[in-house]
Amino acid sequence: MKKIICSILAVLSLSATSCKKFLTENDPNNVTLGSYFKTENDFNLAVNGAYNQLRGLYNNKSAWTMGEMRSDNAHYDYKSSDQAVATVNRYAVADFLDDKYNNQTPPKWNAAYNAISAVNVIVDHINDIKLSDASRNAILGQVKFIRALAYFDLVRFYGGVPIYDHAPLGREQTYIPRSTAQQVYDLIIADATDAVAKLAAPTFPQTGRATKGAALTLLGDVYLTLKKYDLAEAALKQVTTMGYSLYQNYGDAFQLSNKNGLESVFEIQFNSGLATPQANTDASIYNFLPRMVNTTVVTGVNFNSVTTVGGYNTPTQDLIDAYEAGDQRLDASIAIAEGTFNGTDDFTATAVKSSVNYTPAPGKVGRPFPKKFLHTHTIGNQTNDNWPVYRYSEVLLLLAESLNQQGKTGEALPYLNAVRERAFGDALHDITTADKTNLQAVLLKERRVELAFENKRWLDLVRTGNAITVMNAFGVKQKAQYSYLRPGSYNVTQDRLLFPIPNAEVLLNDKLTQNPGY
């Protein structure tokens, strides 16, 4: 919000004009929002800028710290000599010891509001010039989708938040209280519904821009979260008619050659070939590897991740054990860096091994890492991977869940089993239960292994009412295994299901209230 306010003040100062009437000439070097949008291309550039903000929302460190490390899917490599503020704060999020001063959770809030701010400028100025109906719909459909996506992230992680559906132009419009969660969801549904109406169905290969299929998937996800299962079913069934399909092999969904392909519903775009590579590349895999002086054995590129980015989002044994025998997703999702840790908890890799039935070689240890984001690249800490937000397999699982929750368990099974048949390579592992409760448990586990490391697990645990029970039990195992964990860690209560509103925002805006427990 601080960035929003600074931007607003800048706009206001740029817009200030002299009261002397004879000074009527516009300064060509003084560009204001009111004078910027002159052509359709100006709007298209602004839309690109709104998409760019999603990188910070879905693929920065707070995204996987809050979405995966907060859950039973991932942990971290503890380094006793590294007690830097960012490191300690990231550990705290994973261990449920974070507070309102934590510096690892505000970036998600900031990124979401940056995206919302970028969208609102476009919405407010869409009538500045005459556009064809097709162009206007394409622009508005995309940005309404982006804004709905941003608010959906905010409301699930923070609860009710301030709603800005237009760019605020003064203090009274800027410093506003939190809306209720339901009010936020109402805006999300309105935006996503408008996006569905305005966007075109996908064509393949896709461009990476939002489509009607992406908007319907978002809408179905929202309705499922709100337990409006019939509406979720209606939205998601439309997506199944739009030409999406599963690749034959699970790992193919993450190959660079399949970006925006048949299984992609919406993904965050990265391209290491652009002129400013550092600003347009994904570096997630380097965050997920152990701290190493030289990453060549694992990545093929020499990079020192000891003091920079490594040691996080480490797959837990609990997750590895969740994969059934014969599930090809385990080998495609998780690999083992084999080697040794030194006295300062840094790692030297000597080989990369499969995670299936892994046993370390004598004198070696195996450190698992998310393999699905490791692909060929040439510059350390800069890769060409896109980040998946929605894949078609998730559409099928969301649809199966919405059907099962309505008691249509038999109708749900084909959608679930389509995902499992791809995972196992046959129909021998199909689920046949006719019990609604049993199938719901199966679906939650299926989402865990299908969508591992895609920042879904924590939200799934909260959405299904399993977070407190699952994470407290997981914490008992964690504390038995890791002596460095503090006694108060993994004390998961109702208050811990939301993250704190960033303290800086509360100090800046006295109308904001903090979440309980913080």
Protein backbone atom coordinates (compact mmCIF):
# COMPACT_ATOMS: atom_id res chain seq x y z
CA MET A 1 0.00 0.00 0.00
CA LYS A 2 2.93 2.31 0.66
CA LYS A 3 3.90 1.97 -3.00
CA ILE A 4 0.35 2.74 -4.04
CA ILE A 5 0.28 5.86 -1.91
CA CYS A 6 3.65 7.01 -3.21
CA SER A 7 2.43 6.49 -6.76
CA ILE A 8 -0.74 8.44 -6.03
CA LEU A 9 1.21 11.34 -4.55
CA ALA A 10 3.48 11.34 -7.55
CA VAL A 11 0.49 11.43 -9.87
CA LEU A 12 -1.10 14.23 -7.88
CA SER A 13 2.09 16.25 -7.97
CA LEU A 14 2.49 15.69 -11.69
CA SER A 15 -1.08 16.76 -12.23
CA ALA A 16 -0.76 20.00 -10.30
CA THR A 17 -1.19 23.03 -12.54
CA SER A 18 -0.61 26.68 -12.11
CA CYS A 19 -3.56 28.91 -11.27
CA LYS A 20 -2.33 31.44 -13.84
CA LYS A 21 -4.67 31.03 -16.78
CA PHE A 22 -2.19 32.15 -19.44
CA LEU A 23 0.03 29.11 -18.79
CA THR A 24 -1.99 26.76 -20.98
CA GLU A 25 0.76 24.97 -22.90
CA ASN A 26 1.29 21.36 -21.85
CA ASP A 27 4.82 20.42 -20.94
CA PRO A 28 5.74 17.50 -23.28
CA ASN A 29 8.08 16.14 -20.61
CA ASN A 30 5.36 16.08 -17.96
CA VAL A 31 3.28 12.98 -18.66
CA THR A 32 0.19 12.48 -16.50
CA LEU A 33 -2.30 9.65 -16.40
CA GLY A 34 -4.81 11.93 -18.05
CA SER A 35 -2.53 12.50 -21.02
CA TYR A 36 -0.81 9.12 -21.33
CA PHE A 37 -3.40 6.92 -23.03
CA LYS A 38 -3.53 8.09 -26.65
CA THR A 39 -3.53 4.84 -28.61
CA GLU A 40 -4.59 1.23 -28.24
CA ASN A 41 -0.92 0.32 -27.99
CA ASP A 42 -0.62 2.50 -24.88
CA PHE A 43 -3.27 0.37 -23.22
CA ASN A 44 -1.62 -2.84 -24.38
CA LEU A 45 1.67 -1.72 -22.84
CA ALA A 46 -0.13 -0.95 -19.59
CA VAL A 47 -1.74 -4.40 -19.64
CA ASN A 48 1.72 -5.91 -20.04
CA GLY A 49 2.77 -3.95 -16.97
CA ALA A 50 -0.13 -5.42 -14.99
CA TYR A 51 0.89 -8.94 -16.00
CA ASN A 52 4.42 -8.15 -14.90
CA GLN A 53 3.22 -7.49 -11.35
CA LEU A 54 1.99 -11.08 -11.11
CA ARG A 55 5.59 -12.27 -11.06
CA GLY A 56 5.97 -10.79 -7.62
CA LEU A 57 2.66 -12.24 -6.48
CA TYR A 58 3.11 -15.85 -7.55
CA ASN A 59 6.83 -16.38 -7.88
CA ASN A 60 8.70 -14.41 -5.25
CA LYS A 61 10.09 -15.88 -2.06
CA SER A 62 6.97 -15.04 -0.05
CA ALA A 63 4.81 -17.06 -2.48
CA TRP A 64 6.47 -20.41 -1.85
CA THR A 65 7.38 -19.59 1.76
CA MET A 66 3.71 -18.97 2.56
CA GLY A 67 2.23 -21.52 0.15
CA GLU A 68 4.56 -24.50 0.58
CA MET A 69 6.98 -24.06 3.49
CA ARG A 70 4.03 -23.20 5.72
CA SER A 71 2.66 -26.65 4.92
CA ASP A 72 3.78 -30.25 5.34
CA ASN A 73 5.21 -30.27 1.81
CA ALA A 74 8.43 -28.37 2.42
CA HIS A 75 10.93 -27.29 5.05
CA TYR A 76 14.42 -25.72 4.88
CA ASP A 77 18.11 -26.44 5.39
CA TYR A 78 18.91 -25.00 8.78
CA LYS A 79 22.20 -23.11 8.85
CA SER A 80 23.20 -22.20 12.40
CA SER A 81 25.73 -19.60 11.26
CA ASP A 82 23.18 -17.78 9.11
CA GLN A 83 21.00 -15.70 11.40
CA ALA A 84 20.34 -12.90 8.94
CA VAL A 85 16.98 -11.22 9.35
CA ALA A 86 15.53 -12.60 6.11
CA THR A 87 16.70 -16.13 6.91
CA VAL A 88 15.34 -16.14 10.45
CA ASN A 89 12.05 -14.63 9.29
CA ARG A 90 11.62 -17.28 6.60
CA TYR A 91 12.31 -20.03 9.14
CA ALA A 92 9.68 -18.41 11.38
CA VAL A 93 6.98 -18.62 8.70
CA ALA A 94 7.66 -22.32 8.19
CA ASP A 95 7.68 -22.98 11.95
CA PHE A 96 4.56 -20.91 12.77
CA LEU A 97 6.60 -18.44 14.81
CA ASP A 98 6.11 -15.44 12.54
CA ASP A 99 4.67 -12.19 13.88
CA LYS A 100 3.47 -8.86 12.51
CA TYR A 101 7.07 -7.66 12.13
CA ASN A 102 8.09 -10.55 9.85
CA ASN A 103 9.64 -9.26 6.64
CA GLN A 104 8.89 -12.32 4.49
CA THR A 105 5.11 -12.02 4.28
CA PRO A 106 4.57 -8.36 3.27
CA PRO A 107 5.98 -8.84 -0.29
CA LYS A 108 2.89 -10.85 -1.24
CA TRP A 109 0.64 -8.05 0.01
CA ASN A 110 2.70 -5.43 -1.84
CA ALA A 111 2.79 -7.40 -5.09
CA ALA A 112 -0.97 -7.95 -5.04
CA TYR A 113 -1.71 -4.26 -4.54
CA ASN A 114 0.83 -3.32 -7.20
CA ALA A 115 -1.12 -5.49 -9.63
CA ILE A 116 -4.43 -4.04 -8.47
CA SER A 117 -3.08 -0.51 -8.84
CA ALA A 118 -1.87 -1.22 -12.38
CA VAL A 119 -5.29 -2.61 -13.28
CA ASN A 120 -7.23 0.28 -11.78
CA VAL A 121 -5.36 2.84 -13.84
CA ILE A 122 -6.41 1.00 -17.00
CA VAL A 123 -10.03 0.57 -15.88
CA ASP A 124 -10.29 4.25 -14.96
CA HIS A 125 -8.94 5.44 -18.31
CA ILE A 126 -10.39 2.90 -20.73
CA ASN A 127 -12.79 5.52 -22.10
CA ASP A 128 -10.08 8.12 -22.72
CA ILE A 129 -9.94 7.07 -26.36
CA LYS A 130 -12.28 5.32 -28.77
CA LEU A 131 -11.57 1.60 -29.04
CA SER A 132 -13.29 -1.11 -31.01
CA ASP A 133 -15.53 -3.35 -28.96
CA ALA A 134 -13.16 -6.27 -29.53
CA SER A 135 -10.12 -4.33 -28.32
CA ARG A 136 -11.94 -2.87 -25.34
CA ASN A 137 -13.21 -6.28 -24.28
CA ALA A 138 -9.78 -7.86 -24.64
CA ILE A 139 -8.17 -5.18 -22.48
CA LEU A 140 -10.84 -5.13 -19.79
CA GLY A 141 -11.16 -8.90 -19.73
CA GLN A 142 -7.47 -9.38 -19.09
CA VAL A 143 -7.15 -6.78 -16.37
CA LYS A 144 -10.34 -7.86 -14.60
CA PHE A 145 -8.88 -11.36 -14.51
CA ILE A 146 -5.61 -10.03 -13.06
CA ARG A 147 -7.41 -8.01 -10.39
CA ALA A 148 -9.60 -10.98 -9.43
CA LEU A 149 -6.51 -13.17 -9.20
CA ALA A 150 -4.75 -10.64 -6.95
CA TYR A 151 -7.69 -10.21 -4.59
CA PHE A 152 -8.21 -13.99 -4.46
CA ASP A 153 -4.65 -14.32 -3.23
CA LEU A 154 -5.05 -11.53 -0.69
CA VAL A 155 -8.31 -12.75 0.84
CA ARG A 156 -7.06 -16.30 1.32
CA PHE A 157 -3.78 -15.31 2.95
CA TYR A 158 -4.87 -12.21 4.90
CA GLY A 159 -8.66 -12.31 5.16
CA GLY A 160 -10.72 -9.19 4.47
CA VAL A 161 -8.59 -6.40 2.99
CA PRO A 162 -9.13 -2.85 1.73
CA ILE A 163 -10.91 -2.82 -1.62
CA TYR A 164 -9.73 -0.45 -4.33
CA ASP A 165 -11.80 -0.90 -7.48
CA HIS A 166 -10.64 2.49 -8.78
CA ALA A 167 -7.38 4.34 -8.32
CA PRO A 168 -7.63 6.46 -5.17
CA LEU A 169 -6.96 10.14 -5.78
CA GLY A 170 -6.67 11.51 -2.28
CA ARG A 171 -6.12 10.65 1.36
CA GLU A 172 -9.73 9.80 2.10
CA GLN A 173 -9.85 7.31 -0.77
CA THR A 174 -6.44 5.87 0.12
CA TYR A 175 -6.65 5.37 3.87
CA ILE A 176 -9.68 3.12 4.08
CA PRO A 177 -10.60 0.25 6.41
CA ARG A 178 -10.64 -3.43 5.61
CA SER A 179 -13.67 -4.80 3.82
CA THR A 180 -15.10 -8.12 4.94
CA ALA A 181 -13.87 -11.31 3.30
CA GLN A 182 -17.29 -11.73 1.71
CA GLN A 183 -17.11 -8.25 0.17
CA VAL A 184 -13.73 -9.12 -1.29
CA TYR A 185 -15.12 -12.35 -2.70
CA ASP A 186 -18.04 -10.44 -4.21
CA LEU A 187 -15.58 -8.24 -6.10
CA ILE A 188 -13.56 -11.27 -7.20
CA ILE A 189 -16.65 -12.99 -8.55
CA ALA A 190 -17.80 -9.83 -10.35
CA ASP A 191 -14.38 -9.33 -11.96
CA ALA A 192 -13.94 -12.98 -12.92
CA THR A 193 -17.48 -13.13 -14.34
CA ASP A 194 -16.83 -10.00 -16.39
CA ALA A 195 -13.56 -11.51 -17.61
CA VAL A 196 -15.39 -14.67 -18.69
CA ALA A 197 -17.84 -12.58 -20.70
CA LYS A 198 -15.17 -10.48 -22.38
CA LEU A 199 -12.31 -12.90 -23.06
CA ALA A 200 -12.03 -15.28 -25.99
CA ALA A 201 -11.63 -19.04 -25.67
CA PRO A 202 -8.05 -20.32 -25.87
CA THR A 203 -6.36 -21.11 -29.14
CA PHE A 204 -3.27 -23.29 -29.28
CA PRO A 205 -0.44 -22.57 -29.02
CA GLN A 206 -1.43 -19.93 -26.49
CA THR A 207 0.21 -16.55 -26.02
CA GLY A 208 0.35 -16.60 -22.23
CA ARG A 209 -2.41 -14.02 -21.89
CA ALA A 210 -5.58 -14.67 -19.93
CA THR A 211 -8.36 -16.47 -21.78
CA LYS A 212 -11.96 -17.39 -21.12
CA GLY A 213 -10.68 -20.76 -19.93
CA ALA A 214 -8.41 -19.13 -17.35
CA ALA A 215 -11.20 -16.87 -16.09
CA LEU A 216 -13.63 -19.81 -15.79
CA THR A 217 -11.03 -21.82 -13.89
CA LEU A 218 -10.48 -18.96 -11.48
CA LEU A 219 -14.23 -18.57 -11.06
CA GLY A 220 -14.62 -22.29 -10.39
CA ASP A 221 -11.81 -22.20 -7.84
CA VAL A 222 -13.46 -19.27 -6.06
CA TYR A 223 -16.86 -20.97 -5.97
CA LEU A 224 -15.30 -24.17 -4.63
CA THR A 225 -13.56 -22.18 -1.90
CA LEU A 226 -16.92 -20.63 -0.97
CA LYS A 227 -18.55 -24.09 -1.01
CA LYS A 228 -20.85 -23.09 -3.86
CA TYR A 229 -20.26 -26.43 -5.49
CA ASP A 230 -22.95 -26.30 -8.15
CA LEU A 231 -21.62 -23.00 -9.48
CA ALA A 232 -18.08 -24.37 -9.41
CA GLU A 233 -19.22 -27.39 -11.42
CA ALA A 234 -20.94 -25.21 -14.01
CA ALA A 235 -17.84 -23.04 -14.53
CA LEU A 236 -15.33 -25.88 -14.60
CA LYS A 237 -17.32 -28.09 -16.97
CA GLN A 238 -17.12 -25.32 -19.55
CA VAL A 239 -13.32 -25.45 -19.33
CA THR A 240 -13.34 -29.15 -20.25
CA THR A 241 -14.84 -28.25 -23.67
CA MET A 242 -12.13 -25.75 -24.66
CA GLY A 243 -9.44 -28.00 -26.11
CA TYR A 244 -7.16 -28.41 -23.09
CA SER A 245 -5.67 -31.84 -22.46
CA LEU A 246 -3.11 -33.64 -20.31
CA TYR A 247 0.29 -34.48 -21.73
CA GLN A 248 1.04 -38.19 -21.85
CA ASN A 249 3.84 -37.80 -19.29
CA TYR A 250 3.50 -35.68 -16.15
CA GLY A 251 6.95 -34.10 -16.55
CA ASP A 252 6.06 -32.83 -20.01
CA ALA A 253 3.78 -30.21 -18.44
CA PHE A 254 6.87 -28.37 -17.15
CA GLN A 255 9.14 -28.67 -20.19
CA LEU A 256 10.27 -25.38 -21.69
CA SER A 257 9.05 -26.51 -25.12
CA ASN A 258 5.53 -26.83 -23.72
CA LYS A 259 5.14 -23.36 -22.27
CA ASN A 260 1.54 -22.17 -22.68
CA GLY A 261 0.72 -25.53 -24.21
CA LEU A 262 -2.28 -27.84 -24.13
CA GLU A 263 -2.12 -28.40 -20.38
CA SER A 264 -1.53 -24.77 -19.49
CA VAL A 265 -4.55 -22.79 -18.36
CA PHE A 266 -2.58 -19.83 -17.00
CA GLU A 267 1.06 -19.39 -16.15
CA ILE A 268 3.37 -16.53 -15.22
CA GLN A 269 5.64 -15.68 -18.14
CA PHE A 270 9.43 -15.64 -17.99
CA ASN A 271 11.87 -15.36 -20.89
CA SER A 272 15.62 -15.41 -20.41
CA GLY A 273 16.12 -14.34 -24.01
CA LEU A 274 14.79 -10.82 -23.49
CA ALA A 275 17.08 -7.81 -23.39
CA THR A 276 16.94 -7.47 -19.62
CA PRO A 277 17.29 -11.09 -18.55
CA GLN A 278 17.50 -10.60 -14.81
CA ALA A 279 14.12 -8.84 -14.83
CA ASN A 280 12.48 -11.54 -16.94
CA THR A 281 13.85 -14.81 -15.61
CA ASP A 282 12.80 -17.30 -12.99
CA ALA A 283 15.38 -18.31 -10.36
CA SER A 284 13.24 -20.62 -8.24
CA ILE A 285 15.36 -23.73 -8.63
CA TYR A 286 18.32 -21.95 -7.05
CA ASN A 287 16.22 -21.11 -4.01
CA PHE A 288 15.24 -24.77 -3.71
CA LEU A 289 18.72 -26.30 -3.98
CA PRO A 290 20.93 -26.78 -0.92
CA ARG A 291 23.52 -24.09 -0.24
CA MET A 292 26.44 -24.94 -2.52
CA VAL A 293 29.65 -23.18 -3.49
CA ASN A 294 29.27 -24.72 -6.94
CA THR A 295 25.91 -25.86 -8.35
CA THR A 296 27.34 -27.38 -11.55
CA VAL A 297 26.66 -31.01 -10.65
CA VAL A 298 22.96 -30.26 -10.24
CA THR A 299 22.20 -27.43 -12.65
CA GLY A 300 25.04 -27.69 -15.19
CA VAL A 301 25.94 -24.09 -14.37
CA ASN A 302 28.48 -22.93 -11.79
CA PHE A 303 26.79 -20.69 -9.25
CA ASN A 304 27.46 -20.03 -5.56
CA SER A 305 24.21 -20.30 -3.60
CA VAL A 306 25.73 -20.32 -0.12
CA THR A 307 25.21 -16.70 0.82
CA THR A 308 22.53 -15.77 -1.69
CA VAL A 309 19.48 -17.87 -2.35
CA GLY A 310 19.76 -21.57 -1.51
CA GLY A 311 18.42 -23.88 1.16
CA TYR A 312 14.65 -23.43 1.02
CA ASN A 313 11.46 -25.23 -0.01
CA THR A 314 13.09 -28.58 0.71
CA PRO A 315 10.68 -31.47 0.08
CA THR A 316 9.77 -33.24 3.31
CA GLN A 317 9.93 -36.99 3.80
CA ASP A 318 6.24 -36.70 4.66
CA LEU A 319 5.56 -35.53 1.11
CA ILE A 320 7.82 -38.15 -0.48
CA ASP A 321 5.97 -40.85 1.47
CA ALA A 322 2.64 -39.53 0.16
CA TYR A 323 3.41 -40.80 -3.36
CA GLU A 324 2.11 -44.28 -4.00
CA ALA A 325 4.33 -46.99 -5.45
CA GLY A 326 4.36 -46.65 -9.23
CA ASP A 327 3.37 -42.97 -9.24
CA GLN A 328 5.58 -41.43 -11.92
CA ARG A 329 5.03 -37.97 -10.45
CA LEU A 330 7.52 -38.64 -7.66
CA ASP A 331 10.48 -39.03 -10.00
CA ALA A 332 9.30 -36.09 -12.13
CA SER A 333 8.71 -33.79 -9.14
CA ILE A 334 11.55 -34.52 -6.71
CA ALA A 335 15.21 -35.42 -7.23
CA ILE A 336 18.01 -36.05 -4.77
CA ALA A 337 21.22 -34.05 -4.66
CA GLU A 338 23.68 -36.54 -3.19
CA GLY A 339 26.81 -35.36 -1.44
CA THR A 340 28.00 -34.08 1.91
CA PHE A 341 27.33 -31.20 4.28
CA ASN A 342 30.37 -29.51 5.83
CA GLY A 343 30.78 -28.11 9.32
CA THR A 344 29.02 -24.87 8.38
CA ASP A 345 26.02 -26.63 6.85
CA ASP A 346 26.98 -25.99 3.25
CA PHE A 347 26.61 -28.78 0.71
CA THR A 348 28.88 -30.30 -1.91
CA ALA A 349 26.98 -32.33 -4.49
CA THR A 350 28.62 -35.30 -6.18
CA ALA A 351 25.60 -36.71 -8.03
CA VAL A 352 21.90 -36.28 -8.76
CA LYS A 353 19.78 -39.35 -8.03
CA SER A 354 16.16 -40.39 -8.41
CA SER A 355 13.99 -39.98 -5.34
CA VAL A 356 12.28 -43.33 -5.96
CA ASN A 357 13.42 -45.80 -3.30
CA TYR A 358 16.51 -43.68 -2.70
CA THR A 359 19.20 -44.95 -0.34
CA PRO A 360 22.31 -42.79 0.14
CA ALA A 361 25.69 -44.13 -0.90
CA PRO A 362 28.13 -44.85 1.93
CA GLY A 363 29.44 -41.63 3.44
CA LYS A 364 26.92 -39.53 1.52
CA VAL A 365 23.64 -37.83 2.36
CA GLY A 366 20.75 -37.17 0.05
CA ARG A 367 19.09 -33.79 0.01
CA PRO A 368 15.79 -33.69 -1.96
CA PHE A 369 14.82 -30.73 -4.12
CA PRO A 370 11.88 -29.87 -6.45
CA LYS A 371 12.99 -31.26 -9.79
CA LYS A 372 10.01 -30.11 -11.84
CA PHE A 373 11.52 -26.61 -12.21
CA LEU A 374 15.02 -27.74 -13.24
CA HIS A 375 15.67 -27.34 -16.96
CA THR A 376 18.59 -26.41 -19.18
CA HIS A 377 19.86 -22.85 -18.82
CA THR A 378 23.14 -21.04 -19.30
CA ILE A 379 23.36 -18.38 -16.58
CA GLY A 380 23.30 -19.19 -12.88
CA ASN A 381 20.22 -18.03 -11.00
CA GLN A 382 18.47 -17.18 -14.29
CA THR A 383 16.22 -19.78 -15.87
CA ASN A 384 13.58 -19.77 -18.55
CA ASP A 385 10.81 -21.60 -16.68
CA ASN A 386 7.31 -20.16 -16.51
CA TRP A 387 5.44 -20.49 -13.22
CA PRO A 388 2.18 -22.50 -13.31
CA VAL A 389 -0.88 -20.87 -11.76
CA TYR A 390 -3.52 -23.19 -13.23
CA ARG A 391 -2.90 -26.42 -15.14
CA TYR A 392 -5.61 -28.53 -16.76
CA SER A 393 -5.02 -31.36 -14.29
CA GLU A 394 -6.11 -28.97 -11.54
CA VAL A 395 -9.27 -28.15 -13.47
CA LEU A 396 -10.11 -31.86 -13.47
CA LEU A 397 -9.41 -32.20 -9.74
CA LEU A 398 -11.41 -29.08 -8.89
CA LEU A 399 -14.31 -30.39 -10.96
CA ALA A 400 -14.11 -33.81 -9.31
CA GLU A 401 -14.21 -32.18 -5.88
CA SER A 402 -17.16 -29.94 -6.75
CA LEU A 403 -19.10 -32.99 -7.95
CA ASN A 404 -18.20 -35.13 -4.96
CA GLN A 405 -19.22 -32.41 -2.52
CA GLN A 406 -22.67 -32.45 -4.12
CA GLY A 407 -22.91 -36.19 -3.59
CA LYS A 408 -22.19 -36.92 -7.26
CA THR A 409 -19.32 -39.22 -6.37
CA GLY A 410 -19.77 -41.49 -9.37
CA GLU A 411 -19.63 -38.52 -11.74
CA ALA A 412 -16.47 -37.25 -10.02
CA LEU A 413 -14.41 -40.42 -10.49
CA PRO A 414 -13.66 -40.12 -14.25
CA TYR A 415 -12.11 -36.67 -13.78
CA LEU A 416 -9.97 -37.84 -10.87
CA ASN A 417 -8.95 -41.03 -12.63
CA ALA A 418 -7.90 -39.19 -15.78
CA VAL A 419 -5.25 -37.49 -13.65
CA ARG A 420 -4.24 -40.74 -11.95
CA GLU A 421 -4.05 -42.73 -15.18
CA ARG A 422 -1.55 -40.22 -16.52
CA ALA A 423 0.41 -40.49 -13.25
CA PHE A 424 0.57 -44.30 -13.21
CA GLY A 425 0.49 -45.01 -16.94
CA ASP A 426 -2.51 -47.33 -16.64
CA ALA A 427 -6.00 -47.69 -15.18
CA LEU A 428 -4.96 -50.25 -12.56
CA HIS A 429 -4.76 -47.54 -9.90
CA ASP A 430 -8.17 -45.99 -10.58
CA ILE A 431 -10.18 -44.96 -7.55
CA THR A 432 -13.52 -46.76 -7.25
CA THR A 433 -14.89 -45.68 -3.88
CA ALA A 434 -18.53 -44.61 -3.74
CA ASP A 435 -18.13 -42.93 -0.35
CA LYS A 436 -18.15 -39.12 -0.41
CA THR A 437 -15.99 -38.69 2.71
CA ASN A 438 -13.39 -41.19 1.54
CA LEU A 439 -13.21 -39.61 -1.90
CA GLN A 440 -12.74 -36.14 -0.42
CA ALA A 441 -9.68 -37.41 1.47
CA VAL A 442 -8.38 -39.02 -1.72
CA LEU A 443 -8.85 -35.78 -3.65
CA LEU A 444 -6.94 -33.73 -1.08
CA LYS A 445 -4.03 -36.19 -1.22
CA GLU A 446 -4.20 -36.25 -5.02
CA ARG A 447 -3.93 -32.49 -5.16
CA ARG A 448 -0.94 -32.68 -2.84
CA VAL A 449 1.13 -34.92 -5.11
CA GLU A 450 -0.15 -33.52 -8.42
CA LEU A 451 0.39 -29.86 -7.50
CA ALA A 452 3.42 -30.16 -5.21
CA PHE A 453 5.53 -26.97 -5.09
CA GLU A 454 2.94 -24.98 -7.05
CA ASN A 455 1.97 -23.05 -3.88
CA LYS A 456 -1.35 -24.83 -3.38
CA ARG A 457 -0.84 -27.04 -0.33
CA TRP A 458 -1.25 -24.54 2.53
CA LEU A 459 -4.34 -23.04 0.92
CA ASP A 460 -5.81 -26.51 0.41
CA LEU A 461 -5.31 -27.41 4.06
CA VAL A 462 -7.03 -24.21 5.18
CA ARG A 463 -9.83 -24.44 2.63
CA THR A 464 -10.72 -28.00 3.60
CA GLY A 465 -10.51 -27.43 7.35
CA ASN A 466 -7.51 -29.71 7.80
CA ALA A 467 -4.74 -27.19 8.53
CA ILE A 468 -4.80 -27.30 12.33
CA THR A 469 -4.98 -31.09 12.67
CA VAL A 470 -2.52 -31.91 9.90
CA MET A 471 0.08 -29.29 10.77
CA ASN A 472 0.07 -29.95 14.51
CA ALA A 473 0.63 -33.66 13.86
CA PHE A 474 3.31 -32.84 11.31
CA GLY A 475 4.96 -30.51 13.83
CA VAL A 476 5.31 -33.31 16.36
CA LYS A 477 7.29 -35.31 13.80
CA GLN A 478 9.35 -32.28 12.80
CA LYS A 479 10.36 -31.47 16.39
CA ALA A 480 11.32 -35.08 16.99
CA GLN A 481 13.56 -34.96 13.92
CA TYR A 482 15.14 -31.48 14.15
CA SER A 483 16.69 -30.38 17.44
CA TYR A 484 16.95 -26.76 16.31
CA LEU A 485 13.17 -26.29 16.31
CA ARG A 486 11.94 -24.24 19.26
CA PRO A 487 9.38 -25.76 21.67
CA GLY A 488 6.75 -23.20 20.63
CA SER A 489 6.98 -24.01 16.94
CA TYR A 490 4.08 -25.70 15.14
CA ASN A 491 1.55 -24.53 17.69
CA VAL A 492 -1.13 -24.14 15.06
CA THR A 493 -4.34 -22.46 16.17
CA GLN A 494 -7.26 -20.79 14.39
CA ASP A 495 -5.42 -17.46 14.46
CA ARG A 496 -2.58 -18.98 12.45
CA LEU A 497 -4.77 -19.73 9.45
CA LEU A 498 -4.28 -16.14 8.27
CA PHE A 499 -1.06 -14.18 8.04
CA PRO A 500 -0.60 -10.81 9.74
CA ILE A 501 -1.46 -7.61 7.92
CA PRO A 502 1.98 -6.03 7.30
CA ASN A 503 2.76 -3.89 10.33
CA ALA A 504 3.99 -1.01 8.19
CA GLU A 505 0.55 -0.82 6.58
CA VAL A 506 -1.20 -0.69 9.96
CA LEU A 507 1.12 2.09 11.09
CA LEU A 508 0.52 4.01 7.88
CA ASN A 509 -3.25 3.58 7.87
CA ASP A 510 -4.88 3.88 11.29
CA LYS A 511 -8.14 2.49 9.87
CA LEU A 512 -6.56 -0.92 9.33
CA THR A 513 -7.02 -3.54 12.03
CA GLN A 514 -4.61 -6.40 12.64
CA ASN A 515 -5.59 -10.05 12.37
CA PRO A 516 -6.27 -11.80 15.70
CA GLY A 517 -3.22 -13.37 17.33
CA TYR A 518 -0.73 -10.91 15.91
